[in-house]
Protein backbone atom coordinates (compact mmCIF):
# COMPACT_ATOMS: atom_id res chain seq x y z
CA MET A 1 0.00 0.01 0.01
CA VAL A 2 1.34 3.38 -0.91
CA SER A 3 1.92 5.68 2.01
CA VAL A 4 1.93 9.56 1.75
CA GLY A 5 3.30 11.87 4.49
CA LEU A 6 1.23 15.09 4.68
CA ILE A 7 2.17 18.09 6.84
CA VAL A 8 -0.43 20.74 7.13
CA GLU A 9 -1.47 23.84 9.18
CA GLY A 10 -4.57 22.53 11.11
CA ASP A 11 -7.59 20.44 11.52
CA TYR A 12 -9.47 21.59 8.49
CA ASP A 13 -6.45 21.15 6.22
CA GLU A 14 -5.84 17.67 7.60
CA ALA A 15 -9.49 16.57 6.90
CA ALA A 16 -9.74 18.15 3.45
CA LEU A 17 -6.23 17.42 2.18
CA THR A 18 -6.34 13.70 3.26
CA GLU A 19 -9.50 13.29 1.28
CA PHE A 20 -8.00 15.14 -1.73
CA VAL A 21 -5.07 12.83 -1.49
CA ARG A 22 -7.50 9.80 -1.58
CA GLN A 23 -9.39 11.41 -4.50
CA CYS A 24 -6.30 11.87 -6.50
CA LEU A 25 -4.50 8.62 -5.79
CA SER A 26 -6.60 5.85 -4.24
CA PRO A 27 -9.04 5.37 -1.37
CA GLU A 28 -6.72 2.77 0.12
CA VAL A 29 -3.62 5.05 0.33
CA ASN A 30 -2.09 5.25 3.81
CA VAL A 31 -2.10 8.99 4.61
CA ILE A 32 0.09 9.86 7.60
CA CYS A 33 -0.81 13.52 8.49
CA ARG A 34 0.97 15.86 10.92
CA ARG A 35 -0.88 19.09 11.96
CA CYS A 36 1.26 22.05 12.93
CA GLY A 37 -1.24 24.62 14.42
CA GLY A 38 -0.99 27.31 11.82
CA ALA A 39 1.33 28.76 9.23
CA PRO A 40 4.02 30.10 11.64
CA GLN A 41 4.22 26.66 13.46
CA LEU A 42 4.33 24.85 10.18
CA MET A 43 7.30 26.76 9.15
CA LYS A 44 8.99 25.83 12.38
CA LYS A 45 7.91 22.16 12.65
CA PHE A 46 7.85 20.77 9.07
CA PRO A 47 11.65 19.88 8.93
CA GLY A 48 11.27 17.73 12.04
CA PHE A 49 8.22 16.04 10.65
CA LEU A 50 9.99 15.37 7.33
CA GLU A 51 12.69 13.64 9.49
CA HIS A 52 9.94 11.64 11.25
CA PHE A 53 8.64 10.44 7.98
CA ARG A 54 11.96 8.55 7.44
CA HIS A 55 10.65 5.76 9.95
CA VAL A 56 7.02 6.40 10.57
CA ASN A 57 5.65 3.72 8.13
CA ALA A 58 6.19 0.55 10.18
CA GLY A 59 9.91 1.44 10.53
CA PHE A 60 10.24 2.40 6.84
CA PRO A 61 9.89 5.82 5.11
CA VAL A 62 6.81 7.02 3.40
CA GLU A 63 6.86 6.98 -0.41
CA LYS A 64 6.35 10.73 -0.69
CA ALA A 65 5.87 13.68 1.66
CA ILE A 66 3.92 16.71 0.94
CA VAL A 67 3.93 19.96 2.87
CA VAL A 68 1.05 22.33 2.27
CA ARG A 69 0.68 25.84 3.81
CA ASP A 70 -1.67 28.71 2.97
CA ALA A 71 -0.32 31.82 1.18
CA ASP A 72 -2.17 34.09 3.50
CA ARG A 73 -1.68 37.01 1.19
CA LYS A 74 2.08 36.38 0.75
CA ASN A 75 4.07 35.64 -2.41
CA PRO A 76 3.86 31.75 -2.77
CA GLU A 77 7.24 31.64 -4.47
CA VAL A 78 8.89 33.53 -1.57
CA LEU A 79 7.26 31.03 0.89
CA ILE A 80 8.46 27.96 -0.96
CA ASN A 81 11.99 29.56 -1.08
CA GLN A 82 11.86 30.02 2.67
CA MET A 83 10.69 26.44 3.18
CA GLU A 84 13.42 25.20 0.88
CA SER A 85 16.10 27.11 2.78
CA LYS A 86 14.98 25.42 6.01
CA ILE A 87 15.84 21.99 4.60
CA SER A 88 18.71 23.02 2.35
CA GLY A 89 21.31 20.17 2.12
CA ARG A 90 19.09 17.45 3.47
CA THR A 91 18.21 14.36 1.46
CA TYR A 92 15.28 12.08 2.05
CA PRO A 93 14.50 8.49 1.05
CA PHE A 94 11.22 9.63 -0.33
CA ARG A 95 10.04 12.36 -2.81
CA ARG A 96 9.01 15.54 -0.99
CA ASN A 97 7.06 18.48 -2.27
CA LEU A 98 6.60 21.91 -0.59
CA LEU A 99 3.41 23.54 -1.73
CA VAL A 100 1.36 26.70 -1.00
CA ALA A 101 -2.38 26.88 -1.24
CA VAL A 102 -3.56 30.18 -2.82
CA GLU A 103 -5.00 32.01 -0.90
CA LYS A 104 -6.08 29.41 1.58
CA MET A 105 -6.91 25.71 1.11
CA GLU A 106 -10.66 26.75 1.32
CA ALA A 107 -10.36 28.11 -2.21
CA TRP A 108 -9.98 24.58 -3.35
CA LEU A 109 -13.23 23.62 -1.53
CA LEU A 110 -15.06 26.44 -3.31
CA ALA A 111 -13.85 25.27 -6.84
CA ASP A 112 -16.43 22.65 -7.43
CA GLU A 113 -19.94 23.89 -7.15
CA GLN A 114 -21.39 20.35 -7.46
CA ALA A 115 -19.41 19.26 -4.36
CA LEU A 116 -20.66 22.31 -2.47
CA SER A 117 -24.28 21.57 -3.68
CA SER A 118 -24.02 17.97 -2.55
CA VAL A 119 -22.90 18.96 0.91
CA THR A 120 -25.33 21.80 1.44
CA ASN A 121 -28.27 20.06 -0.27
CA LYS A 122 -28.86 23.26 -2.08
CA SER A 123 -27.93 24.31 -5.66
CA GLN A 124 -24.80 26.39 -5.48
CA PRO A 125 -23.59 28.74 -8.28
CA ARG A 126 -20.02 28.55 -9.60
CA VAL A 127 -17.67 30.66 -7.48
CA PRO A 128 -15.68 32.74 -9.99
CA ASP A 129 -11.87 32.62 -9.50
CA PRO A 130 -11.57 30.91 -6.09
CA GLU A 131 -7.93 31.59 -5.77
CA LYS A 132 -8.54 35.26 -6.20
CA ILE A 133 -10.95 35.59 -3.21
CA PHE A 134 -9.34 37.63 -0.53
CA ASP A 135 -10.73 35.44 2.33
CA PRO A 136 -11.97 32.08 0.95
CA LYS A 137 -12.68 30.72 4.42
CA ALA A 138 -15.13 33.58 5.03
CA LYS A 139 -16.69 32.86 1.56
CA LEU A 140 -17.12 29.27 2.42
CA ARG A 141 -18.63 29.92 5.91
CA SER A 142 -21.13 32.37 4.20
CA ILE A 143 -22.18 29.63 1.63
CA LEU A 144 -22.66 27.09 4.34
CA SER A 145 -24.55 29.58 6.68
CA ASP A 146 -26.96 30.42 3.78
CA ALA A 147 -27.73 26.69 3.33
CA GLN A 148 -29.26 26.54 6.69
CA ASN A 149 -29.08 22.75 7.12
CA ASP A 150 -26.99 20.22 9.12
CA GLN A 151 -23.92 21.36 7.33
CA SER A 152 -24.36 25.05 7.90
CA VAL A 153 -21.35 25.44 10.27
CA TYR A 154 -17.76 25.09 8.88
CA THR A 155 -16.16 22.26 10.65
CA HIS A 156 -13.28 19.87 9.77
CA GLU A 157 -15.91 17.24 9.08
CA VAL A 158 -17.66 19.57 6.55
CA ALA A 159 -14.33 20.30 4.88
CA ARG A 160 -13.71 16.62 4.58
CA LYS A 161 -17.11 16.04 3.03
CA ILE A 162 -16.65 18.78 0.47
CA ALA A 163 -13.28 17.42 -0.44
CA ALA A 164 -14.65 13.89 -0.68
CA ALA A 165 -17.33 15.05 -3.06
CA ALA A 166 -15.11 17.32 -5.08
CA ARG A 167 -14.01 16.23 -8.64
CA PRO A 168 -10.16 16.76 -8.63
CA GLU A 169 -10.05 17.56 -12.40
CA ILE A 170 -12.48 20.42 -11.88
CA VAL A 171 -10.57 21.80 -8.84
CA ALA A 172 -7.27 21.53 -10.75
CA ALA A 173 -8.76 23.30 -13.72
CA ARG A 174 -9.98 26.27 -11.57
CA CYS A 175 -7.06 26.42 -8.99
CA PRO A 176 -3.53 26.40 -10.26
CA SER A 177 -2.13 25.71 -6.71
CA PHE A 178 -4.36 22.60 -6.48
CA LYS A 179 -3.00 21.38 -9.83
CA LYS A 180 0.46 21.54 -8.25
CA PHE A 181 -0.84 19.60 -5.18
CA GLN A 182 -2.40 16.94 -7.54
CA GLU A 183 0.83 16.56 -9.54
CA ALA A 184 2.75 16.12 -6.29
CA VAL A 185 0.19 13.40 -5.11
CA VAL A 186 0.11 11.41 -8.30
CA GLY A 187 3.73 12.07 -9.51
């Protein structure tokens, strides 16, 4: 069974990105996820978690490791360079990818209106340019609140359900940063 190490900011990211990995690769994939407690903590902790992934899979390394943080209105290329500098000179027995979700991972959850509709039980219009939304988390909360049903509050379980219902090809077509994530997962 393929194992993927995933390093993320928090609970919502863990829930949604674990589902996105399964959507892109296989429902049976072994996802070993580590939460960091926000972007500043991720920047401090991810090198240690990458080291941990050397032996986390029953004493063996994962096949690939993916680190995902939100852009939070910062330049993604600058953030990637900062991340790369923290692990400069290190080699790993697995492929590793350092990625930035633009603007936040919630933009990816907004990209597939059919997934949103299935979770809210209410027809949702297409959200234009999800990665250009200033605060995609607030937009997602607004959509869920308007639905006024069991899924009207944004929780990590709702994030997981949206990701599980999403069509990766649609999300990748609408969100270039998700396309990089998808390529890291399947590559």
